C-alpha atoms as a PDB file:
ATOM      1  CA  MET A   1      95.249 107.086  78.702  1.00  0.00           C
ATOM      2  CA  ASN A   2      97.622 105.992  81.452  1.00  0.00           C
ATOM      3  CA  GLN A   3      95.878 105.618  84.818  1.00  0.00           C
ATOM      4  CA  LEU A   4      98.642 107.452  86.694  1.00  0.00           C
ATOM      5  CA  MET A   5      98.203 110.400  84.361  1.00  0.00           C
ATOM      6  CA  LEU A   6      94.489 110.494  85.169  1.00  0.00           C
ATOM      7  CA  TYR A   7      95.317 110.494  88.883  1.00  0.00           C
ATOM      8  CA  ALA A   8      97.664 113.435  88.354  1.00  0.00           C
ATOM      9  CA  VAL A   9      95.064 115.285  86.280  1.00  0.00           C
ATOM     10  CA  ASP A  10      92.467 114.784  89.006  1.00  0.00           C
ATOM     11  CA  LEU A  11      94.775 116.056  91.748  1.00  0.00           C
ATOM     12  CA  VAL A  12      95.699 119.122  89.710  1.00  0.00           C
ATOM     13  CA  ALA A  13      92.054 119.748  88.832  1.00  0.00           C
ATOM     14  CA  VAL A  14      90.776 119.515  92.417  1.00  0.00           C
ATOM     15  CA  THR A  15      93.630 121.764  93.570  1.00  0.00           C
ATOM     16  CA  ILE A  16      92.585 124.399  91.014  1.00  0.00           C
ATOM     17  CA  LEU A  17      88.923 123.965  91.950  1.00  0.00           C
ATOM     18  CA  THR A  18      89.600 124.364  95.665  1.00  0.00           C
ATOM     19  CA  PHE A  19      92.472 126.821  95.968  1.00  0.00           C
ATOM     20  CA  ALA A  20      92.155 128.882  92.778  1.00  0.00           C
ATOM     21  CA  LEU A  21      88.352 129.060  92.431  1.00  0.00           C
ATOM     22  CA  TYR A  22      86.484 128.270  95.650  1.00  0.00           C
ATOM     23  CA  PHE A  23      88.585 129.562  98.545  1.00  0.00           C
ATOM     24  CA  PRO A  24      89.620 132.944  97.059  1.00  0.00           C
ATOM     25  CA  ARG A  25      85.954 133.641  96.297  1.00  0.00           C
ATOM     26  CA  HIS A  26      84.180 132.283  99.392  1.00  0.00           C
ATOM     27  CA  ARG A  27      86.814 131.849 102.161  1.00  0.00           C
ATOM     28  CA  ARG A  28      85.226 128.872 103.926  1.00  0.00           C
ATOM     29  CA  ARG A  29      88.069 126.748 105.273  1.00  0.00           C
ATOM     30  CA  ASP A  30      86.062 123.711 106.420  1.00  0.00           C
ATOM     31  CA  LEU A  31      84.815 123.056 102.893  1.00  0.00           C
ATOM     32  CA  VAL A  32      88.377 123.108 101.572  1.00  0.00           C
ATOM     33  CA  VAL A  33      89.017 120.017 103.699  1.00  0.00           C
ATOM     34  CA  ALA A  34      85.711 118.498 102.559  1.00  0.00           C
ATOM     35  CA  PHE A  35      86.363 119.016  98.840  1.00  0.00           C
ATOM     36  CA  LEU A  36      89.889 117.602  99.005  1.00  0.00           C
ATOM     37  CA  GLY A  37      88.945 114.680 101.248  1.00  0.00           C
ATOM     38  CA  VAL A  38      85.900 113.698  99.214  1.00  0.00           C
ATOM     39  CA  ASN A  39      87.778 113.965  95.926  1.00  0.00           C
ATOM     40  CA  VAL A  40      90.755 111.874  97.017  1.00  0.00           C
ATOM     41  CA  GLY A  41      88.492 109.349  98.742  1.00  0.00           C
ATOM     42  CA  VAL A  42      86.297 108.932  95.672  1.00  0.00           C
ATOM     43  CA  LEU A  43      89.408 108.721  93.485  1.00  0.00           C
ATOM     44  CA  ALA A  44      90.883 105.935  95.603  1.00  0.00           C
ATOM     45  CA  VAL A  45      87.671 103.915  95.845  1.00  0.00           C
ATOM     46  CA  SER A  46      86.697 104.320  92.187  1.00  0.00           C
ATOM     47  CA  ALA A  47      90.213 103.369  91.078  1.00  0.00           C
ATOM     48  CA  THR A  48      89.928 100.181  93.100  1.00  0.00           C
ATOM     49  CA  LEU A  49      86.500  99.449  91.651  1.00  0.00           C
ATOM     50  CA  SER A  50      87.693 100.078  88.098  1.00  0.00           C
ATOM     51  CA  ALA A  51      89.151  96.565  88.005  1.00  0.00           C
ATOM     52  CA  SER A  52      85.693  95.139  88.669  1.00  0.00           C
ATOM     53  CA  ALA A  53      83.234  94.182  85.938  1.00  0.00           C
ATOM     54  CA  VAL A  54      80.538  96.220  87.663  1.00  0.00           C
ATOM     55  CA  ALA A  55      82.708  99.295  88.155  1.00  0.00           C
ATOM     56  CA  ALA A  56      80.337 101.717  86.409  1.00  0.00           C
ATOM     57  CA  GLY A  57      77.325 100.722  88.481  1.00  0.00           C
ATOM     58  CA  LEU A  58      79.268 100.802  91.718  1.00  0.00           C
ATOM     59  CA  GLY A  59      80.743 104.160  90.793  1.00  0.00           C
ATOM     60  CA  LEU A  60      77.331 105.699  90.274  1.00  0.00           C
ATOM     61  CA  GLY A  61      76.112 104.145  93.515  1.00  0.00           C
ATOM     62  CA  LEU A  62      79.112 105.542  95.354  1.00  0.00           C
ATOM     63  CA  PHE A  63      78.418 108.971  93.871  1.00  0.00           C
ATOM     64  CA  GLY A  64      74.826 108.900  95.111  1.00  0.00           C
ATOM     65  CA  VAL A  65      75.557 107.533  98.585  1.00  0.00           C
ATOM     66  CA  LEU A  66      78.342 110.016  99.304  1.00  0.00           C
ATOM     67  CA  SER A  67      76.172 112.877  98.067  1.00  0.00           C
ATOM     68  CA  ILE A  68      73.282 111.971 100.353  1.00  0.00           C
ATOM     69  CA  ILE A  69      75.493 111.517 103.407  1.00  0.00           C
ATOM     70  CA  ARG A  70      77.317 114.783 102.922  1.00  0.00           C
ATOM     71  CA  LEU A  71      74.336 116.926 102.018  1.00  0.00           C
ATOM     72  CA  ARG A  72      72.287 115.639 104.937  1.00  0.00           C
ATOM     73  CA  SER A  73      75.064 116.268 107.469  1.00  0.00           C
ATOM     74  CA  THR A  74      75.093 120.065 107.144  1.00  0.00           C
ATOM     75  CA  GLU A  75      73.328 122.824 105.273  1.00  0.00           C
ATOM     76  CA  LEU A  76      75.127 124.012 102.169  1.00  0.00           C
ATOM     77  CA  SER A  77      74.368 126.947  99.924  1.00  0.00           C
ATOM     78  CA  GLN A  78      73.653 126.232  96.278  1.00  0.00           C
ATOM     79  CA  HIS A  79      77.081 127.283  95.030  1.00  0.00           C
ATOM     80  CA  GLU A  80      78.714 125.065  97.661  1.00  0.00           C
ATOM     81  CA  VAL A  81      76.597 122.137  96.469  1.00  0.00           C
ATOM     82  CA  ALA A  82      77.893 122.795  92.944  1.00  0.00           C
ATOM     83  CA  TYR A  83      81.513 122.760  94.122  1.00  0.00           C
ATOM     84  CA  TYR A  84      80.864 119.610  96.118  1.00  0.00           C
ATOM     85  CA  PHE A  85      79.453 117.730  93.125  1.00  0.00           C
ATOM     86  CA  ALA A  86      82.285 119.047  90.957  1.00  0.00           C
ATOM     87  CA  SER A  87      84.784 117.581  93.421  1.00  0.00           C
ATOM     88  CA  LEU A  88      82.935 114.235  93.337  1.00  0.00           C
ATOM     89  CA  ALA A  89      82.785 114.214  89.558  1.00  0.00           C
ATOM     90  CA  LEU A  90      86.511 114.937  89.233  1.00  0.00           C
ATOM     91  CA  GLY A  91      87.280 112.016  91.538  1.00  0.00           C
ATOM     92  CA  LEU A  92      85.114 109.646  89.500  1.00  0.00           C
ATOM     93  CA  LEU A  93      86.626 110.808  86.210  1.00  0.00           C
ATOM     94  CA  GLY A  94      90.095 110.237  87.612  1.00  0.00           C
ATOM     95  CA  GLY A  95      89.335 106.789  88.982  1.00  0.00           C
ATOM     96  CA  LEU A  96      87.067 105.393  86.280  1.00  0.00           C
ATOM     97  CA  GLY A  97      88.227 107.317  83.228  1.00  0.00           C
ATOM     98  CA  THR A  98      90.754 104.839  81.813  1.00  0.00           C
ATOM     99  CA  SER A  99      88.356 103.382  79.255  1.00  0.00           C
ATOM    100  CA  ALA A 100      87.123 106.859  78.278  1.00  0.00           C
ATOM    101  CA  GLY A 101      90.591 107.993  77.218  1.00  0.00           C
ATOM    102  CA  TRP A 102      90.839 111.683  76.494  1.00  0.00           C
ATOM    103  CA  LEU A 103      87.165 112.171  77.305  1.00  0.00           C
ATOM    104  CA  GLY A 104      88.066 111.953  80.998  1.00  0.00           C
ATOM    105  CA  LEU A 105      90.610 114.744  80.615  1.00  0.00           C
ATOM    106  CA  ALA A 106      88.154 116.831  78.583  1.00  0.00           C
ATOM    107  CA  GLY A 107      85.452 116.264  81.193  1.00  0.00           C
ATOM    108  CA  SER A 108      87.716 117.488  83.989  1.00  0.00           C
ATOM    109  CA  GLY A 109      88.616 120.587  81.993  1.00  0.00           C
ATOM    110  CA  LEU A 110      84.961 121.266  81.213  1.00  0.00           C
ATOM    111  CA  ILE A 111      84.022 121.065  84.900  1.00  0.00           C
ATOM    112  CA  LEU A 112      86.712 123.584  85.850  1.00  0.00           C
ATOM    113  CA  LEU A 113      85.719 125.914  83.016  1.00  0.00           C
ATOM    114  CA  VAL A 114      82.032 125.859  83.939  1.00  0.00           C
ATOM    115  CA  MET A 115      82.746 126.488  87.634  1.00  0.00           C
ATOM    116  CA  ALA A 116      85.170 129.300  86.821  1.00  0.00           C
ATOM    117  CA  LEU A 117      82.621 131.087  84.646  1.00  0.00           C
ATOM    118  CA  ALA A 118      79.363 130.288  86.460  1.00  0.00           C
ATOM    119  CA  ASP A 119      80.698 131.370  89.876  1.00  0.00           C
ATOM    120  CA  HIS A 120      82.609 134.413  88.645  1.00  0.00           C
ATOM    121  CA  PRO A 121      82.084 137.396  91.002  1.00  0.00           C
ATOM    122  CA  ARG A 122      81.183 139.679  88.094  1.00  0.00           C
ATOM    123  CA  LEU A 123      78.419 137.428  86.795  1.00  0.00           C
ATOM    124  CA  PHE A 124      75.086 138.953  87.935  1.00  0.00           C
ATOM    125  CA  ALA A 125      77.039 140.815  90.637  1.00  0.00           C
ATOM    126  CA  ARG A 126      74.171 143.224  91.344  1.00  0.00           C
ATOM    127  CA  HIS A 127      71.619 140.469  91.914  1.00  0.00           C
ATOM    128  CA  HIS A 128      71.059 139.120  95.422  1.00  0.00           C
ATOM    129  CA  SER A 129      68.733 136.887  97.416  1.00  0.00           C
ATOM    130  CA  GLU A 130      68.080 137.552 101.106  1.00  0.00           C
ATOM    131  CA  LEU A 131      65.749 136.497 103.893  1.00  0.00           C
ATOM    132  CA  VAL A 132      64.482 139.795 105.291  1.00  0.00           C
ATOM    133  CA  VAL A 133      62.649 140.115 108.625  1.00  0.00           C
ATOM    134  CA  LEU A 134      60.454 143.200 108.853  1.00  0.00           C
ATOM    135  CA  ASP A 135      59.101 144.683 112.092  1.00  0.00           C
ATOM    136  CA  ARG A 136      55.723 145.113 110.403  1.00  0.00           C
ATOM    137  CA  ALA A 137      53.082 142.642 109.312  1.00  0.00           C
ATOM    138  CA  ILE A 138      52.402 143.515 105.666  1.00  0.00           C
ATOM    139  CA  ALA A 139      49.854 141.321 103.942  1.00  0.00           C
ATOM    140  CA  ASP A 140      49.458 143.361 100.765  1.00  0.00           C
ATOM    141  CA  ARG A 141      51.999 142.219  98.170  1.00  0.00           C
ATOM    142  CA  THR A 142      52.195 145.569  96.366  1.00  0.00           C
ATOM    143  CA  GLU A 143      52.792 147.459  99.607  1.00  0.00           C
ATOM    144  CA  LEU A 144      55.359 144.872 100.675  1.00  0.00           C
ATOM    145  CA  THR A 145      57.245 145.213  97.389  1.00  0.00           C
ATOM    146  CA  ALA A 146      57.308 149.017  97.645  1.00  0.00           C
ATOM    147  CA  HIS A 147      58.462 148.866 101.276  1.00  0.00           C
ATOM    148  CA  LEU A 148      61.289 146.458 100.434  1.00  0.00           C
ATOM    149  CA  GLU A 149      62.441 148.565  97.484  1.00  0.00           C
ATOM    150  CA  GLN A 150      62.578 151.637  99.701  1.00  0.00           C
ATOM    151  CA  LEU A 151      64.332 149.728 102.485  1.00  0.00           C
ATOM    152  CA  LEU A 152      66.924 148.036 100.261  1.00  0.00           C
ATOM    153  CA  GLY A 153      67.330 150.856  97.765  1.00  0.00           C
ATOM    154  CA  ALA A 154      66.954 148.257  95.045  1.00  0.00           C
ATOM    155  CA  ARG A 155      64.543 146.841  92.502  1.00  0.00           C
ATOM    156  CA  VAL A 156      62.664 143.785  93.803  1.00  0.00           C
ATOM    157  CA  HIS A 157      62.224 141.119  91.119  1.00  0.00           C
ATOM    158  CA  ALA A 158      60.511 138.410  93.183  1.00  0.00           C
ATOM    159  CA  LEU A 159      59.491 137.781  96.753  1.00  0.00           C
ATOM    160  CA  SER A 160      58.028 134.942  98.779  1.00  0.00           C
ATOM    161  CA  VAL A 161      56.475 135.506 102.202  1.00  0.00           C
ATOM    162  CA  GLN A 162      57.806 132.824 104.538  1.00  0.00           C
ATOM    163  CA  ARG A 163      55.967 133.954 107.648  1.00  0.00           C
ATOM    164  CA  LEU A 164      53.320 136.593 108.379  1.00  0.00           C
ATOM    165  CA  ASP A 165      53.001 137.115 112.139  1.00  0.00           C
ATOM    166  CA  LEU A 166      50.015 139.332 112.949  1.00  0.00           C
ATOM    167  CA  VAL A 167      50.440 138.801 116.701  1.00  0.00           C
ATOM    168  CA  ASN A 168      54.056 139.952 116.947  1.00  0.00           C
ATOM    169  CA  ASP A 169      53.699 142.302 113.954  1.00  0.00           C
ATOM    170  CA  SER A 170      56.476 140.911 111.766  1.00  0.00           C
ATOM    171  CA  THR A 171      56.984 139.615 108.228  1.00  0.00           C
ATOM    172  CA  TRP A 172      59.603 137.121 107.066  1.00  0.00           C
ATOM    173  CA  VAL A 173      60.134 137.364 103.336  1.00  0.00           C
ATOM    174  CA  ASP A 174      62.579 135.775 100.905  1.00  0.00           C
ATOM    175  CA  VAL A 175      63.378 138.543  98.434  1.00  0.00           C
ATOM    176  CA  ARG A 176      65.331 138.537  95.169  1.00  0.00           C
ATOM    177  CA  TYR A 177      66.497 141.961  94.097  1.00  0.00           C
ATOM    178  CA  SER A 178      69.088 143.852  92.076  1.00  0.00           C
ATOM    179  CA  GLU A 179      71.114 146.752  93.393  1.00  0.00           C
ATOM    180  CA  ALA A 180      70.390 150.170  91.964  1.00  0.00           C
ATOM    181  CA  ARG A 181      72.959 151.483  89.523  1.00  0.00           C
ATOM    182  CA  ARG A 182      74.579 154.761  90.506  1.00  0.00           C
ATOM    183  CA  LEU A 183      74.725 157.259  87.654  1.00  0.00           C
ATOM    184  CA  PRO A 184      76.102 160.825  87.484  1.00  0.00           C
ATOM    185  CA  ILE A 185      73.307 163.398  87.231  1.00  0.00           C
ATOM    186  CA  LEU A 186      73.131 167.191  87.054  1.00  0.00           C
ATOM    187  CA  THR A 187      71.301 169.202  89.706  1.00  0.00           C
ATOM    188  CA  ASP A 188      70.894 172.893  90.406  1.00  0.00           C
ATOM    189  CA  ASP A 189      72.524 173.953  93.696  1.00  0.00           C
ATOM    190  CA  GLY A 190      70.793 177.356  93.694  1.00  0.00           C
ATOM    191  CA  THR A 191      73.632 179.340  92.154  1.00  0.00           C
ATOM    192  CA  GLY A 192      72.486 178.785  88.602  1.00  0.00           C
ATOM    193  CA  ALA A 193      75.403 176.507  87.807  1.00  0.00           C
ATOM    194  CA  PRO A 194      74.773 172.811  87.267  1.00  0.00           C
ATOM    195  CA  THR A 195      76.409 170.518  89.832  1.00  0.00           C
ATOM    196  CA  LEU A 196      77.348 166.889  89.231  1.00  0.00           C
ATOM    197  CA  HIS A 197      76.034 164.402  91.789  1.00  0.00           C
ATOM    198  CA  GLU A 198      75.386 160.692  91.983  1.00  0.00           C
ATOM    199  CA  GLY A 199      71.903 159.261  91.690  1.00  0.00           C
ATOM    200  CA  THR A 200      70.485 155.764  91.724  1.00  0.00           C
ATOM    201  CA  VAL A 201      68.426 153.961  89.149  1.00  0.00           C
ATOM    202  CA  ALA A 202      65.956 151.563  90.721  1.00  0.00           C
ATOM    203  CA  GLY A 203      62.992 150.152  88.870  1.00  0.00           C
ATOM    204  CA  GLY A 204      64.077 151.934  85.714  1.00  0.00           C
ATOM    205  CA  ARG A 205      63.720 155.514  87.037  1.00  0.00           C
ATOM    206  CA  PRO A 206      66.554 157.734  88.307  1.00  0.00           C
ATOM    207  CA  GLU A 207      66.220 159.071  91.837  1.00  0.00           C
ATOM    208  CA  LEU A 208      67.836 162.506  92.083  1.00  0.00           C
ATOM    209  CA  ALA A 209      70.460 163.014  94.765  1.00  0.00           C
ATOM    210  CA  ALA A 210      70.017 166.041  96.962  1.00  0.00           C
ATOM    211  CA  ALA A 211      72.320 168.907  96.116  1.00  0.00           C
ATOM    212  CA  ARG A 212      74.962 169.597  98.732  1.00  0.00           C
END
Protein backbone atom coordinates (compact mmCIF):
# COMPACT_ATOMS: atom_id res chain seq x y z
CA MET A 1 0.00 0.00 0.00
CA ASN A 2 1.18 3.52 -0.78
CA GLN A 3 2.85 5.19 2.20
CA LEU A 4 0.98 8.47 1.69
CA MET A 5 -2.29 6.57 1.84
CA LEU A 6 -1.27 5.06 5.17
CA TYR A 7 -0.48 8.55 6.48
CA ALA A 8 -3.93 9.73 5.41
CA VAL A 9 -5.58 6.68 6.99
CA ASP A 10 -3.76 7.33 10.26
CA LEU A 11 -4.77 11.00 10.35
CA VAL A 12 -8.40 10.14 9.64
CA ALA A 13 -8.34 7.35 12.23
CA VAL A 14 -6.85 9.49 15.02
CA THR A 15 -9.33 12.27 14.20
CA ILE A 16 -12.22 9.80 14.59
CA LEU A 17 -10.69 8.39 17.77
CA THR A 18 -10.23 11.82 19.33
CA PHE A 19 -13.13 13.94 18.12
CA ALA A 20 -15.83 11.34 17.42
CA LEU A 21 -15.17 8.86 20.25
CA TYR A 22 -13.13 10.31 23.11
CA PHE A 23 -14.06 13.98 23.45
CA PRO A 24 -17.87 13.65 23.06
CA ARG A 25 -17.84 10.96 25.75
CA HIS A 26 -15.32 12.32 28.27
CA ARG A 27 -14.81 16.06 27.53
CA ARG A 28 -11.17 16.32 28.64
CA ARG A 29 -9.52 18.89 26.40
CA ASP A 30 -5.89 18.40 27.49
CA LEU A 31 -5.92 14.77 26.38
CA VAL A 32 -7.18 15.78 22.94
CA VAL A 33 -3.89 17.62 22.48
CA ALA A 34 -1.98 14.65 23.91
CA PHE A 35 -3.61 12.07 21.64
CA LEU A 36 -3.10 14.14 18.49
CA GLY A 37 0.46 15.17 19.38
CA VAL A 38 1.56 11.67 20.33
CA ASN A 39 -0.02 10.13 17.24
CA VAL A 40 1.51 12.58 14.77
CA GLY A 41 4.87 12.45 16.55
CA VAL A 42 4.97 8.65 16.49
CA LEU A 43 3.83 8.68 12.86
CA ALA A 44 6.64 11.02 11.85
CA VAL A 45 9.36 9.18 13.76
CA SER A 46 8.24 5.69 12.74
CA ALA A 47 7.99 6.77 9.09
CA THR A 48 11.57 7.98 9.26
CA LEU A 49 12.69 4.75 10.90
CA SER A 50 10.87 2.62 8.33
CA ALA A 51 13.77 3.11 5.92
CA SER A 52 16.11 1.52 8.46
CA ALA A 53 16.87 -2.20 8.60
CA VAL A 54 16.08 -2.21 12.31
CA ALA A 55 12.82 -0.30 11.96
CA ALA A 56 10.66 -2.90 13.73
CA GLY A 57 12.87 -3.06 16.81
CA LEU A 58 13.19 0.70 17.02
CA GLY A 59 9.45 1.08 16.57
CA LEU A 60 8.70 -1.20 19.49
CA GLY A 61 11.31 0.58 21.59
CA LEU A 62 9.78 3.93 20.71
CA PHE A 63 6.35 2.60 21.68
CA GLY A 64 7.61 1.51 25.09
CA VAL A 65 9.64 4.63 25.86
CA LEU A 66 6.84 7.04 24.95
CA SER A 67 4.37 5.00 26.99
CA ILE A 68 6.52 5.09 30.11
CA ILE A 69 7.22 8.82 29.84
CA ARG A 70 3.61 9.75 29.31
CA LEU A 71 2.08 7.46 31.90
CA ARG A 72 4.56 8.52 34.57
CA SER A 73 3.98 12.24 33.97
CA THR A 74 0.34 12.30 35.10
CA GLU A 75 -2.31 9.98 36.46
CA LEU A 76 -4.68 8.61 33.85
CA SER A 77 -7.83 6.59 34.29
CA GLN A 78 -7.97 3.17 32.69
CA HIS A 79 -10.11 4.25 29.74
CA GLU A 80 -7.73 7.15 29.07
CA VAL A 81 -4.80 4.71 29.07
CA ALA A 82 -6.67 2.67 26.44
CA TYR A 83 -7.20 5.73 24.24
CA TYR A 84 -3.57 6.71 24.68
CA PHE A 85 -2.27 3.32 23.55
CA ALA A 86 -4.76 3.32 20.68
CA SER A 87 -3.34 6.65 19.52
CA LEU A 88 0.21 5.23 19.74
CA ALA A 89 -0.75 2.09 17.86
CA LEU A 90 -2.41 4.06 15.05
CA GLY A 91 0.75 6.13 14.64
CA LEU A 92 2.94 3.03 14.42
CA LEU A 93 0.61 1.34 11.93
CA GLY A 94 0.68 4.45 9.78
CA GLY A 95 4.45 4.84 9.88
CA LEU A 96 5.58 1.22 9.73
CA GLY A 97 2.68 -0.42 7.90
CA THR A 98 4.01 -0.29 4.33
CA SER A 99 5.26 -3.87 4.34
CA ALA A 100 2.06 -5.10 6.00
CA GLY A 101 -0.12 -3.84 3.15
CA TRP A 102 -3.82 -3.98 3.87
CA LEU A 103 -3.17 -5.43 7.32
CA GLY A 104 -2.20 -1.94 8.48
CA LEU A 105 -5.52 -0.54 7.29
CA ALA A 106 -7.42 -3.44 8.86
CA GLY A 107 -5.54 -2.95 12.13
CA SER A 108 -6.48 0.73 12.26
CA GLY A 109 -10.12 -0.11 11.60
CA LEU A 110 -10.08 -2.82 14.27
CA ILE A 111 -8.68 -0.40 16.86
CA LEU A 112 -11.43 2.14 16.16
CA LEU A 113 -14.12 -0.54 16.26
CA VAL A 114 -12.93 -1.95 19.58
CA MET A 115 -12.71 1.50 21.19
CA ALA A 116 -16.13 2.49 19.86
CA LEU A 117 -17.76 -0.61 21.33
CA ALA A 118 -15.75 -1.11 24.53
CA ASP A 119 -16.17 2.52 25.66
CA HIS A 120 -19.80 2.88 24.60
CA PRO A 121 -21.82 4.73 27.29
CA ARG A 122 -24.51 2.03 27.26
CA LEU A 123 -22.09 -0.81 27.94
CA PHE A 124 -22.41 -1.71 31.66
CA ALA A 125 -23.90 1.77 32.21
CA ARG A 126 -25.27 0.86 35.65
CA HIS A 127 -21.93 -0.39 36.96
CA HIS A 128 -19.60 2.01 38.77
CA SER A 129 -16.42 2.09 40.83
CA GLU A 130 -15.90 4.74 43.51
CA LEU A 131 -13.61 5.55 46.41
CA VAL A 132 -16.01 6.21 49.28
CA VAL A 133 -14.97 7.87 52.56
CA LEU A 134 -17.26 7.02 55.47
CA ASP A 135 -17.45 8.97 58.74
CA ARG A 136 -17.49 5.67 60.62
CA ALA A 137 -14.84 3.05 61.23
CA ILE A 138 -16.47 -0.22 60.16
CA ALA A 139 -14.27 -3.28 60.46
CA ASP A 140 -16.92 -5.92 59.82
CA ARG A 141 -17.16 -6.62 56.08
CA THR A 142 -20.82 -7.70 56.16
CA GLU A 143 -21.86 -4.58 58.06
CA LEU A 144 -19.78 -2.43 55.72
CA THR A 145 -21.43 -3.96 52.65
CA ALA A 146 -24.92 -3.40 54.07
CA HIS A 147 -24.09 0.19 55.03
CA LEU A 148 -22.75 0.96 51.55
CA GLU A 149 -25.78 -0.58 49.84
CA GLN A 150 -28.09 1.54 51.98
CA LEU A 151 -25.99 4.66 51.41
CA LEU A 152 -25.63 4.24 47.64
CA GLY A 153 -29.02 2.68 47.00
CA ALA A 154 -27.23 0.06 44.96
CA ARG A 155 -26.01 -3.52 45.00
CA VAL A 156 -22.36 -3.81 46.07
CA HIS A 157 -20.48 -6.45 44.07
CA ALA A 158 -16.99 -6.00 45.53
CA LEU A 159 -15.21 -3.76 47.97
CA SER A 160 -11.66 -3.21 49.17
CA VAL A 161 -10.90 -1.30 52.37
CA GLN A 162 -8.09 1.15 51.62
CA ARG A 163 -7.87 2.68 55.08
CA LEU A 164 -9.50 1.94 58.44
CA ASP A 165 -8.91 4.84 60.84
CA LEU A 166 -10.04 3.93 64.36
CA VAL A 167 -8.65 7.17 65.81
CA ASN A 168 -10.53 9.57 63.54
CA ASP A 169 -13.43 7.13 63.07
CA SER A 170 -13.39 6.87 59.28
CA THR A 171 -13.25 4.20 56.58
CA TRP A 172 -11.86 4.59 53.06
CA VAL A 173 -13.21 1.90 50.78
CA ASP A 174 -12.97 1.23 47.05
CA VAL A 175 -16.40 -0.08 46.10
CA ARG A 176 -17.74 -1.58 42.87
CA TYR A 177 -21.50 -1.49 42.61
CA SER A 178 -24.43 -1.46 40.20
CA GLU A 179 -27.27 1.02 40.33
CA ALA A 180 -30.67 -0.28 41.34
CA ARG A 181 -33.17 -0.65 38.53
CA ARG A 182 -36.35 1.36 38.94
CA LEU A 183 -39.48 -0.66 38.20
CA PRO A 184 -43.18 0.29 38.30
CA ILE A 185 -44.98 -1.33 41.23
CA LEU A 186 -48.52 -1.27 42.61
CA THR A 187 -49.25 -0.03 46.12
CA ASP A 188 -52.41 0.60 48.10
CA ASP A 189 -52.91 4.29 48.93
CA GLY A 190 -55.67 3.56 51.47
CA THR A 191 -58.62 4.13 49.15
CA GLY A 192 -58.77 0.54 47.98
CA ALA A 193 -57.56 1.42 44.50
CA PRO A 194 -54.11 0.31 43.41
CA THR A 195 -51.67 3.16 42.69
CA LEU A 196 -48.68 2.92 40.37
CA HIS A 197 -45.35 4.02 41.86
CA GLU A 198 -41.69 3.50 41.16
CA GLY A 199 -39.59 1.12 43.21
CA THR A 200 -35.98 0.04 43.10
CA VAL A 201 -34.49 -3.39 42.72
CA ALA A 202 -31.23 -3.75 44.62
CA GLY A 203 -29.70 -7.09 45.46
CA GLY A 204 -32.46 -8.87 43.58
CA ARG A 205 -35.37 -7.72 45.81
CA PRO A 206 -37.78 -4.86 45.05
CA GLU A 207 -38.00 -2.09 47.63
CA LEU A 208 -41.53 -0.67 47.71
CA ALA A 209 -41.92 3.07 47.26
CA ALA A 210 -44.05 4.83 49.82
CA ALA A 211 -47.51 5.72 48.59
CA ARG A 212 -48.09 9.43 48.15
